[in-house]
Amino acid sequence: LPLYELNILDTSVGGLAKYVHRFIETRNYGQVH
């Protein structure tokens, strides 16, 4: 997780959740646990 790399507006739990979503989409994992 990019705890230190996110811009100031995205340095939040919501910003990290968006990052995880982009990661899952990019990797095309489908349904995940």
PDB file of all heavy atoms in Angstrom:
ATOM      1  N   LEU A   1       0.833  -1.204   0.000  1.00  0.00           N
ATOM      2  CA  LEU A   1       0.000   0.000   0.000  1.00  0.00           C
ATOM      3  C   LEU A   1       0.871   1.260   0.000  1.00  0.00           C
ATOM      4  O   LEU A   1       1.853   1.342   0.752  1.00  0.00           O
ATOM      5  CB  LEU A   1      -0.929   0.006   1.219  1.00  0.00           C
ATOM      6  CG  LEU A   1      -1.927  -1.159   1.284  1.00  0.00           C
ATOM      7  CD1 LEU A   1      -2.779  -1.060   2.546  1.00  0.00           C
ATOM      8  CD2 LEU A   1      -2.816  -1.201   0.047  1.00  0.00           C
ATOM      9  N   PRO A   2       0.528   2.261  -0.809  1.00  0.00           N
ATOM     10  CA  PRO A   2       1.358   3.467  -0.949  1.00  0.00           C
ATOM     11  C   PRO A   2       1.096   4.475   0.168  1.00  0.00           C
ATOM     12  O   PRO A   2       0.608   5.584  -0.068  1.00  0.00           O
ATOM     13  CB  PRO A   2       0.919   4.009  -2.317  1.00  0.00           C
ATOM     14  CG  PRO A   2      -0.522   3.628  -2.398  1.00  0.00           C
ATOM     15  CD  PRO A   2      -0.649   2.300  -1.709  1.00  0.00           C
ATOM     16  N   LEU A   3       1.429   4.083   1.387  1.00  0.00           N
ATOM     17  CA  LEU A   3       1.131   4.938   2.544  1.00  0.00           C
ATOM     18  C   LEU A   3       1.803   6.300   2.440  1.00  0.00           C
ATOM     19  O   LEU A   3       1.286   7.297   2.959  1.00  0.00           O
ATOM     20  CB  LEU A   3       1.593   4.245   3.831  1.00  0.00           C
ATOM     21  CG  LEU A   3       0.995   2.862   4.119  1.00  0.00           C
ATOM     22  CD1 LEU A   3       1.536   2.327   5.438  1.00  0.00           C
ATOM     23  CD2 LEU A   3      -0.527   2.903   4.143  1.00  0.00           C
ATOM     24  N   TYR A   4       2.960   6.360   1.780  1.00  0.00           N
ATOM     25  CA  TYR A   4       3.728   7.603   1.730  1.00  0.00           C
ATOM     26  C   TYR A   4       3.736   8.235   0.341  1.00  0.00           C
ATOM     27  O   TYR A   4       4.293   9.312   0.162  1.00  0.00           O
ATOM     28  CB  TYR A   4       5.173   7.338   2.171  1.00  0.00           C
ATOM     29  CG  TYR A   4       5.264   6.515   3.421  1.00  0.00           C
ATOM     30  CD1 TYR A   4       5.855   5.246   3.406  1.00  0.00           C
ATOM     31  CD2 TYR A   4       4.716   6.962   4.620  1.00  0.00           C
ATOM     32  CE1 TYR A   4       5.916   4.471   4.548  1.00  0.00           C
ATOM     33  CE2 TYR A   4       4.766   6.180   5.758  1.00  0.00           C
ATOM     34  CZ  TYR A   4       5.369   4.940   5.727  1.00  0.00           C
ATOM     35  OH  TYR A   4       5.411   4.178   6.857  1.00  0.00           O
ATOM     36  N   GLU A   5       3.110   7.580  -0.635  1.00  0.00           N
ATOM     37  CA  GLU A   5       3.185   8.063  -2.018  1.00  0.00           C
ATOM     38  C   GLU A   5       1.929   8.785  -2.497  1.00  0.00           C
ATOM     39  O   GLU A   5       1.965   9.478  -3.510  1.00  0.00           O
ATOM     40  CB  GLU A   5       3.470   6.893  -2.972  1.00  0.00           C
ATOM     41  CG  GLU A   5       4.869   6.322  -2.855  1.00  0.00           C
ATOM     42  CD  GLU A   5       5.004   5.338  -1.704  1.00  0.00           C
ATOM     43  OE1 GLU A   5       3.989   4.707  -1.344  1.00  0.00           O
ATOM     44  OE2 GLU A   5       6.116   5.221  -1.148  1.00  0.00           O
ATOM     45  N   LEU A   6       0.813   8.605  -1.809  1.00  0.00           N
ATOM     46  CA  LEU A   6      -0.434   9.230  -2.255  1.00  0.00           C
ATOM     47  C   LEU A   6      -0.351  10.752  -2.137  1.00  0.00           C
ATOM     48  O   LEU A   6       0.296  11.276  -1.225  1.00  0.00           O
ATOM     49  CB  LEU A   6      -1.612   8.725  -1.418  1.00  0.00           C
ATOM     50  CG  LEU A   6      -2.006   7.246  -1.588  1.00  0.00           C
ATOM     51  CD1 LEU A   6      -3.080   6.884  -0.577  1.00  0.00           C
ATOM     52  CD2 LEU A   6      -2.483   6.961  -3.002  1.00  0.00           C
ATOM     53  N   ASN A   7      -1.036  11.450  -3.051  1.00  0.00           N
ATOM     54  CA  ASN A   7      -1.085  12.909  -2.924  1.00  0.00           C
ATOM     55  C   ASN A   7      -1.908  13.275  -1.693  1.00  0.00           C
ATOM     56  O   ASN A   7      -2.613  12.444  -1.130  1.00  0.00           O
ATOM     57  CB  ASN A   7      -1.628  13.569  -4.199  1.00  0.00           C
ATOM     58  CG  ASN A   7      -3.080  13.203  -4.471  1.00  0.00           C
ATOM     59  OD1 ASN A   7      -3.941  13.326  -3.601  1.00  0.00           O
ATOM     60  ND2 ASN A   7      -3.369  12.758  -5.688  1.00  0.00           N
ATOM     61  N   ILE A   8      -1.842  14.518  -1.296  1.00  0.00           N
ATOM     62  CA  ILE A   8      -2.444  14.939  -0.030  1.00  0.00           C
ATOM     63  C   ILE A   8      -3.949  14.697   0.015  1.00  0.00           C
ATOM     64  O   ILE A   8      -4.506  14.318   1.037  1.00  0.00           O
ATOM     65  CB  ILE A   8      -2.120  16.433   0.274  1.00  0.00           C
ATOM     66  CG1 ILE A   8      -2.523  16.790   1.716  1.00  0.00           C
ATOM     67  CG2 ILE A   8      -2.774  17.355  -0.734  1.00  0.00           C
ATOM     68  CD1 ILE A   8      -1.738  16.061   2.783  1.00  0.00           C
ATOM     69  N   LEU A   9      -4.630  14.863  -1.124  1.00  0.00           N
ATOM     70  CA  LEU A   9      -6.082  14.671  -1.150  1.00  0.00           C
ATOM     71  C   LEU A   9      -6.470  13.202  -1.009  1.00  0.00           C
ATOM     72  O   LEU A   9      -7.555  12.886  -0.520  1.00  0.00           O
ATOM     73  CB  LEU A   9      -6.664  15.243  -2.447  1.00  0.00           C
ATOM     74  CG  LEU A   9      -6.599  16.764  -2.605  1.00  0.00           C
ATOM     75  CD1 LEU A   9      -7.136  17.177  -3.971  1.00  0.00           C
ATOM     76  CD2 LEU A   9      -7.393  17.456  -1.491  1.00  0.00           C
ATOM     77  N   ASP A  10      -5.587  12.303  -1.449  1.00  0.00           N
ATOM     78  CA  ASP A  10      -5.883  10.868  -1.396  1.00  0.00           C
ATOM     79  C   ASP A  10      -5.235  10.164  -0.213  1.00  0.00           C
ATOM     80  O   ASP A  10      -5.338   8.944  -0.087  1.00  0.00           O
ATOM     81  CB  ASP A  10      -5.426  10.198  -2.696  1.00  0.00           C
ATOM     82  CG  ASP A  10      -6.317  10.538  -3.871  1.00  0.00           C
ATOM     83  OD1 ASP A  10      -7.530  10.733  -3.660  1.00  0.00           O
ATOM     84  OD2 ASP A  10      -5.804  10.633  -5.009  1.00  0.00           O
ATOM     85  N   THR A  11      -4.553  10.913   0.648  1.00  0.00           N
ATOM     86  CA  THR A  11      -3.938  10.310   1.833  1.00  0.00           C
ATOM     87  C   THR A  11      -5.019  10.103   2.894  1.00  0.00           C
ATOM     88  O   THR A  11      -5.199  10.895   3.816  1.00  0.00           O
ATOM     89  CB  THR A  11      -2.786  11.184   2.371  1.00  0.00           C
ATOM     90  OG1 THR A  11      -1.816  11.363   1.327  1.00  0.00           O
ATOM     91  CG2 THR A  11      -2.096  10.516   3.550  1.00  0.00           C
ATOM     92  N   SER A  12      -5.777   9.039   2.716  1.00  0.00           N
ATOM     93  CA  SER A  12      -6.923   8.729   3.562  1.00  0.00           C
ATOM     94  C   SER A  12      -7.275   7.262   3.387  1.00  0.00           C
ATOM     95  O   SER A  12      -6.788   6.604   2.450  1.00  0.00           O
ATOM     96  CB  SER A  12      -8.132   9.586   3.159  1.00  0.00           C
ATOM     97  OG  SER A  12      -8.543   9.258   1.837  1.00  0.00           O
ATOM     98  N   VAL A  13      -8.128   6.747   4.265  1.00  0.00           N
ATOM     99  CA  VAL A  13      -8.552   5.352   4.095  1.00  0.00           C
ATOM    100  C   VAL A  13      -9.335   5.199   2.799  1.00  0.00           C
ATOM    101  O   VAL A  13      -9.236   4.175   2.108  1.00  0.00           O
ATOM    102  CB  VAL A  13      -9.367   4.849   5.308  1.00  0.00           C
ATOM    103  CG1 VAL A  13      -8.466   4.538   6.480  1.00  0.00           C
ATOM    104  CG2 VAL A  13     -10.449   5.829   5.700  1.00  0.00           C
ATOM    105  N   GLY A  14     -10.112   6.215   2.435  1.00  0.00           N
ATOM    106  CA  GLY A  14     -10.839   6.174   1.176  1.00  0.00           C
ATOM    107  C   GLY A  14      -9.908   6.165  -0.021  1.00  0.00           C
ATOM    108  O   GLY A  14     -10.142   5.456  -1.002  1.00  0.00           O
ATOM    109  N   GLY A  15      -8.837   6.956   0.050  1.00  0.00           N
ATOM    110  CA  GLY A  15      -7.847   6.985  -1.029  1.00  0.00           C
ATOM    111  C   GLY A  15      -7.160   5.641  -1.191  1.00  0.00           C
ATOM    112  O   GLY A  15      -6.899   5.191  -2.313  1.00  0.00           O
ATOM    113  N   LEU A  16      -6.857   4.972  -0.068  1.00  0.00           N
ATOM    114  CA  LEU A  16      -6.243   3.646  -0.128  1.00  0.00           C
ATOM    115  C   LEU A  16      -7.209   2.617  -0.714  1.00  0.00           C
ATOM    116  O   LEU A  16      -6.805   1.721  -1.462  1.00  0.00           O
ATOM    117  CB  LEU A  16      -5.772   3.211   1.259  1.00  0.00           C
ATOM    118  CG  LEU A  16      -4.563   3.959   1.809  1.00  0.00           C
ATOM    119  CD1 LEU A  16      -4.330   3.593   3.281  1.00  0.00           C
ATOM    120  CD2 LEU A  16      -3.300   3.657   0.997  1.00  0.00           C
ATOM    121  N   ALA A  17      -8.510   2.746  -0.380  1.00  0.00           N
ATOM    122  CA  ALA A  17      -9.510   1.829  -0.940  1.00  0.00           C
ATOM    123  C   ALA A  17      -9.607   1.996  -2.455  1.00  0.00           C
ATOM    124  O   ALA A  17      -9.754   1.011  -3.196  1.00  0.00           O
ATOM    125  CB  ALA A  17     -10.862   2.063  -0.285  1.00  0.00           C
ATOM    126  N   LYS A  18      -9.512   3.233  -2.940  1.00  0.00           N
ATOM    127  CA  LYS A  18      -9.514   3.475  -4.390  1.00  0.00           C
ATOM    128  C   LYS A  18      -8.284   2.838  -5.040  1.00  0.00           C
ATOM    129  O   LYS A  18      -8.364   2.288  -6.139  1.00  0.00           O
ATOM    130  CB  LYS A  18      -9.539   4.978  -4.672  1.00  0.00           C
ATOM    131  CG  LYS A  18     -10.856   5.657  -4.327  1.00  0.00           C
ATOM    132  CD  LYS A  18     -10.780   7.163  -4.572  1.00  0.00           C
ATOM    133  CE  LYS A  18     -12.068   7.850  -4.163  1.00  0.00           C
ATOM    134  NZ  LYS A  18     -11.958   9.325  -4.309  1.00  0.00           N
ATOM    135  N   TYR A  19      -7.148   2.934  -4.350  1.00  0.00           N
ATOM    136  CA  TYR A  19      -5.921   2.324  -4.853  1.00  0.00           C
ATOM    137  C   TYR A  19      -6.089   0.807  -4.975  1.00  0.00           C
ATOM    138  O   TYR A  19      -5.704   0.206  -5.995  1.00  0.00           O
ATOM    139  CB  TYR A  19      -4.756   2.659  -3.924  1.00  0.00           C
ATOM    140  CG  TYR A  19      -3.444   2.031  -4.324  1.00  0.00           C
ATOM    141  CD1 TYR A  19      -2.576   2.679  -5.194  1.00  0.00           C
ATOM    142  CD2 TYR A  19      -3.065   0.783  -3.831  1.00  0.00           C
ATOM    143  CE1 TYR A  19      -1.366   2.111  -5.567  1.00  0.00           C
ATOM    144  CE2 TYR A  19      -1.861   0.201  -4.191  1.00  0.00           C
ATOM    145  CZ  TYR A  19      -1.014   0.877  -5.061  1.00  0.00           C
ATOM    146  OH  TYR A  19       0.178   0.301  -5.435  1.00  0.00           O
ATOM    147  N   VAL A  20      -6.673   0.188  -3.946  1.00  0.00           N
ATOM    148  CA  VAL A  20      -6.897  -1.263  -3.970  1.00  0.00           C
ATOM    149  C   VAL A  20      -7.838  -1.630  -5.120  1.00  0.00           C
ATOM    150  O   VAL A  20      -7.627  -2.629  -5.818  1.00  0.00           O
ATOM    151  CB  VAL A  20      -7.459  -1.747  -2.610  1.00  0.00           C
ATOM    152  CG1 VAL A  20      -7.937  -3.190  -2.689  1.00  0.00           C
ATOM    153  CG2 VAL A  20      -6.401  -1.597  -1.516  1.00  0.00           C
ATOM    154  N   HIS A  21      -8.863  -0.825  -5.337  1.00  0.00           N
ATOM    155  CA  HIS A  21      -9.785  -1.080  -6.445  1.00  0.00           C
ATOM    156  C   HIS A  21      -9.061  -1.023  -7.791  1.00  0.00           C
ATOM    157  O   HIS A  21      -9.239  -1.919  -8.633  1.00  0.00           O
ATOM    158  CB  HIS A  21     -10.924  -0.059  -6.420  1.00  0.00           C
ATOM    159  CG  HIS A  21     -11.846  -0.168  -7.599  1.00  0.00           C
ATOM    160  ND1 HIS A  21     -12.546  -1.315  -7.885  1.00  0.00           N
ATOM    161  CD2 HIS A  21     -12.164   0.721  -8.582  1.00  0.00           C
ATOM    162  CE1 HIS A  21     -13.266  -1.131  -8.990  1.00  0.00           C
ATOM    163  NE2 HIS A  21     -13.045   0.086  -9.431  1.00  0.00           N
ATOM    164  N   ARG A  22      -8.226  -0.015  -7.979  1.00  0.00           N
ATOM    165  CA  ARG A  22      -7.481   0.105  -9.240  1.00  0.00           C
ATOM    166  C   ARG A  22      -6.531  -1.078  -9.418  1.00  0.00           C
ATOM    167  O   ARG A  22      -6.350  -1.592 -10.527  1.00  0.00           O
ATOM    168  CB  ARG A  22      -6.707   1.419  -9.284  1.00  0.00           C
ATOM    169  CG  ARG A  22      -7.600   2.652  -9.422  1.00  0.00           C
ATOM    170  CD  ARG A  22      -6.789   3.891  -9.772  1.00  0.00           C
ATOM    171  NE  ARG A  22      -5.852   4.260  -8.735  1.00  0.00           N
ATOM    172  CZ  ARG A  22      -6.129   5.086  -7.732  1.00  0.00           C
ATOM    173  NH1 ARG A  22      -7.336   5.637  -7.625  1.00  0.00           N
ATOM    174  NH2 ARG A  22      -5.203   5.378  -6.827  1.00  0.00           N
ATOM    175  N   PHE A  23      -5.934  -1.516  -8.325  1.00  0.00           N
ATOM    176  CA  PHE A  23      -5.028  -2.667  -8.365  1.00  0.00           C
ATOM    177  C   PHE A  23      -5.774  -3.933  -8.788  1.00  0.00           C
ATOM    178  O   PHE A  23      -5.329  -4.663  -9.692  1.00  0.00           O
ATOM    179  CB  PHE A  23      -4.378  -2.856  -6.990  1.00  0.00           C
ATOM    180  CG  PHE A  23      -3.584  -4.118  -6.852  1.00  0.00           C
ATOM    181  CD1 PHE A  23      -2.409  -4.303  -7.570  1.00  0.00           C
ATOM    182  CD2 PHE A  23      -4.003  -5.131  -6.000  1.00  0.00           C
ATOM    183  CE1 PHE A  23      -1.666  -5.473  -7.440  1.00  0.00           C
ATOM    184  CE2 PHE A  23      -3.279  -6.303  -5.871  1.00  0.00           C
ATOM    185  CZ  PHE A  23      -2.106  -6.471  -6.595  1.00  0.00           C
ATOM    186  N   ILE A  24      -6.920  -4.202  -8.166  1.00  0.00           N
ATOM    187  CA  ILE A  24      -7.706  -5.399  -8.485  1.00  0.00           C
ATOM    188  C   ILE A  24      -8.188  -5.353  -9.933  1.00  0.00           C
ATOM    189  O   ILE A  24      -8.167  -6.369 -10.642  1.00  0.00           O
ATOM    190  CB  ILE A  24      -8.875  -5.545  -7.498  1.00  0.00           C
ATOM    191  CG1 ILE A  24      -8.338  -5.915  -6.105  1.00  0.00           C
ATOM    192  CG2 ILE A  24      -9.885  -6.593  -7.973  1.00  0.00           C
ATOM    193  CD1 ILE A  24      -9.368  -5.887  -4.999  1.00  0.00           C
ATOM    194  N   GLU A  25      -8.599  -4.178 -10.371  1.00  0.00           N
ATOM    195  CA  GLU A  25      -9.056  -4.023 -11.757  1.00  0.00           C
ATOM    196  C   GLU A  25      -7.896  -4.243 -12.735  1.00  0.00           C
ATOM    197  O   GLU A  25      -8.043  -4.930 -13.744  1.00  0.00           O
ATOM    198  CB  GLU A  25      -9.633  -2.613 -11.954  1.00  0.00           C
ATOM    199  CG  GLU A  25     -10.924  -2.376 -11.195  1.00  0.00           C
ATOM    200  CD  GLU A  25     -12.134  -2.529 -12.087  1.00  0.00           C
ATOM    201  OE1 GLU A  25     -12.307  -1.706 -12.994  1.00  0.00           O
ATOM    202  OE2 GLU A  25     -12.898  -3.490 -11.856  1.00  0.00           O
ATOM    203  N   THR A  26      -6.747  -3.641 -12.446  1.00  0.00           N
ATOM    204  CA  THR A  26      -5.587  -3.752 -13.331  1.00  0.00           C
ATOM    205  C   THR A  26      -5.119  -5.197 -13.452  1.00  0.00           C
ATOM    206  O   THR A  26      -4.758  -5.663 -14.533  1.00  0.00           O
ATOM    207  CB  THR A  26      -4.427  -2.871 -12.822  1.00  0.00           C
ATOM    208  OG1 THR A  26      -4.855  -1.504 -12.797  1.00  0.00           O
ATOM    209  CG2 THR A  26      -3.199  -2.990 -13.699  1.00  0.00           C
ATOM    210  N   ARG A  27      -5.156  -5.910 -12.337  1.00  0.00           N
ATOM    211  CA  ARG A  27      -4.701  -7.298 -12.336  1.00  0.00           C
ATOM    212  C   ARG A  27      -5.789  -8.267 -12.810  1.00  0.00           C
ATOM    213  O   ARG A  27      -5.532  -9.453 -12.962  1.00  0.00           O
ATOM    214  CB  ARG A  27      -4.244  -7.694 -10.926  1.00  0.00           C
ATOM    215  CG  ARG A  27      -3.017  -6.947 -10.428  1.00  0.00           C
ATOM    216  CD  ARG A  27      -1.788  -7.269 -11.237  1.00  0.00           C
ATOM    217  NE  ARG A  27      -1.405  -8.668 -11.133  1.00  0.00           N
ATOM    218  CZ  ARG A  27      -0.570  -9.281 -11.964  1.00  0.00           C
ATOM    219  NH1 ARG A  27      -0.048  -8.610 -12.982  1.00  0.00           N
ATOM    220  NH2 ARG A  27      -0.264 -10.548 -11.801  1.00  0.00           N
ATOM    221  N   ASN A  28      -6.993  -7.769 -12.994  1.00  0.00           N
ATOM    222  CA  ASN A  28      -8.096  -8.578 -13.518  1.00  0.00           C
ATOM    223  C   ASN A  28      -8.336  -9.821 -12.655  1.00  0.00           C
ATOM    224  O   ASN A  28      -8.471 -10.941 -13.165  1.00  0.00           O
ATOM    225  CB  ASN A  28      -7.812  -8.983 -14.974  1.00  0.00           C
ATOM    226  CG  ASN A  28      -9.048  -9.502 -15.688  1.00  0.00           C
ATOM    227  OD1 ASN A  28     -10.173  -9.115 -15.351  1.00  0.00           O
ATOM    228  ND2 ASN A  28      -8.849 -10.387 -16.647  1.00  0.00           N
ATOM    229  N   TYR A  29      -8.399  -9.612 -11.340  1.00  0.00           N
ATOM    230  CA  TYR A  29      -8.548 -10.738 -10.425  1.00  0.00           C
ATOM    231  C   TYR A  29      -9.974 -11.276 -10.357  1.00  0.00           C
ATOM    232  O   TYR A  29     -10.200 -12.377  -9.870  1.00  0.00           O
ATOM    233  CB  TYR A  29      -8.101 -10.335  -9.013  1.00  0.00           C
ATOM    234  CG  TYR A  29      -6.606 -10.239  -8.841  1.00  0.00           C
ATOM    235  CD1 TYR A  29      -6.021  -9.144  -8.226  1.00  0.00           C
ATOM    236  CD2 TYR A  29      -5.769 -11.259  -9.273  1.00  0.00           C
ATOM    237  CE1 TYR A  29      -4.648  -9.058  -8.054  1.00  0.00           C
ATOM    238  CE2 TYR A  29      -4.393 -11.184  -9.107  1.00  0.00           C
ATOM    239  CZ  TYR A  29      -3.845 -10.081  -8.498  1.00  0.00           C
ATOM    240  OH  TYR A  29      -2.485 -10.006  -8.325  1.00  0.00           O
ATOM    241  N   GLY A  30     -10.957 -10.493 -10.792  1.00  0.00           N
ATOM    242  CA  GLY A  30     -12.335 -10.942 -10.658  1.00  0.00           C
ATOM    243  C   GLY A  30     -12.777 -10.881  -9.211  1.00  0.00           C
ATOM    244  O   GLY A  30     -12.394  -9.983  -8.466  1.00  0.00           O
ATOM    245  N   GLN A  31     -13.573 -11.855  -8.786  1.00  0.00           N
ATOM    246  CA  GLN A  31     -14.017 -11.874  -7.394  1.00  0.00           C
ATOM    247  C   GLN A  31     -12.878 -12.313  -6.484  1.00  0.00           C
ATOM    248  O   GLN A  31     -12.144 -13.261  -6.797  1.00  0.00           O
ATOM    249  CB  GLN A  31     -15.217 -12.806  -7.234  1.00  0.00           C
ATOM    250  CG  GLN A  31     -16.523 -12.208  -7.749  1.00  0.00           C
ATOM    251  CD  GLN A  31     -17.707 -12.890  -7.130  1.00  0.00           C
ATOM    252  OE1 GLN A  31     -17.784 -14.111  -7.082  1.00  0.00           O
ATOM    253  NE2 GLN A  31     -18.654 -12.104  -6.637  1.00  0.00           N
ATOM    254  N   VAL A  32     -12.732 -11.627  -5.349  1.00  0.00           N
ATOM    255  CA  VAL A  32     -11.591 -11.866  -4.471  1.00  0.00           C
ATOM    256  C   VAL A  32     -12.046 -12.124  -3.045  1.00  0.00           C
ATOM    257  O   VAL A  32     -13.167 -11.785  -2.652  1.00  0.00           O
ATOM    258  CB  VAL A  32     -10.621 -10.662  -4.484  1.00  0.00           C
ATOM    259  CG1 VAL A  32     -10.155 -10.359  -5.893  1.00  0.00           C
ATOM    260  CG2 VAL A  32     -11.267  -9.421  -3.858  1.00  0.00           C
ATOM    261  N   HIS A  33     -11.172 -12.747  -2.295  1.00  0.00           N
ATOM    262  CA  HIS A  33     -11.291 -12.845  -0.844  1.00  0.00           C
ATOM    263  C   HIS A  33     -10.354 -11.777  -0.282  1.00  0.00           C
ATOM    264  O   HIS A  33      -9.145 -11.812  -0.544  1.00  0.00           O
ATOM    265  CB  HIS A  33     -10.887 -14.233  -0.364  1.00  0.00           C
ATOM    266  CG  HIS A  33     -11.656 -15.336  -1.023  1.00  0.00           C
ATOM    267  ND1 HIS A  33     -12.865 -15.795  -0.555  1.00  0.00           N
ATOM    268  CD2 HIS A  33     -11.387 -16.060  -2.159  1.00  0.00           C
ATOM    269  CE1 HIS A  33     -13.304 -16.760  -1.356  1.00  0.00           C
ATOM    270  NE2 HIS A  33     -12.423 -16.931  -2.328  1.00  0.00           N
TER     271      HIS A  33
END
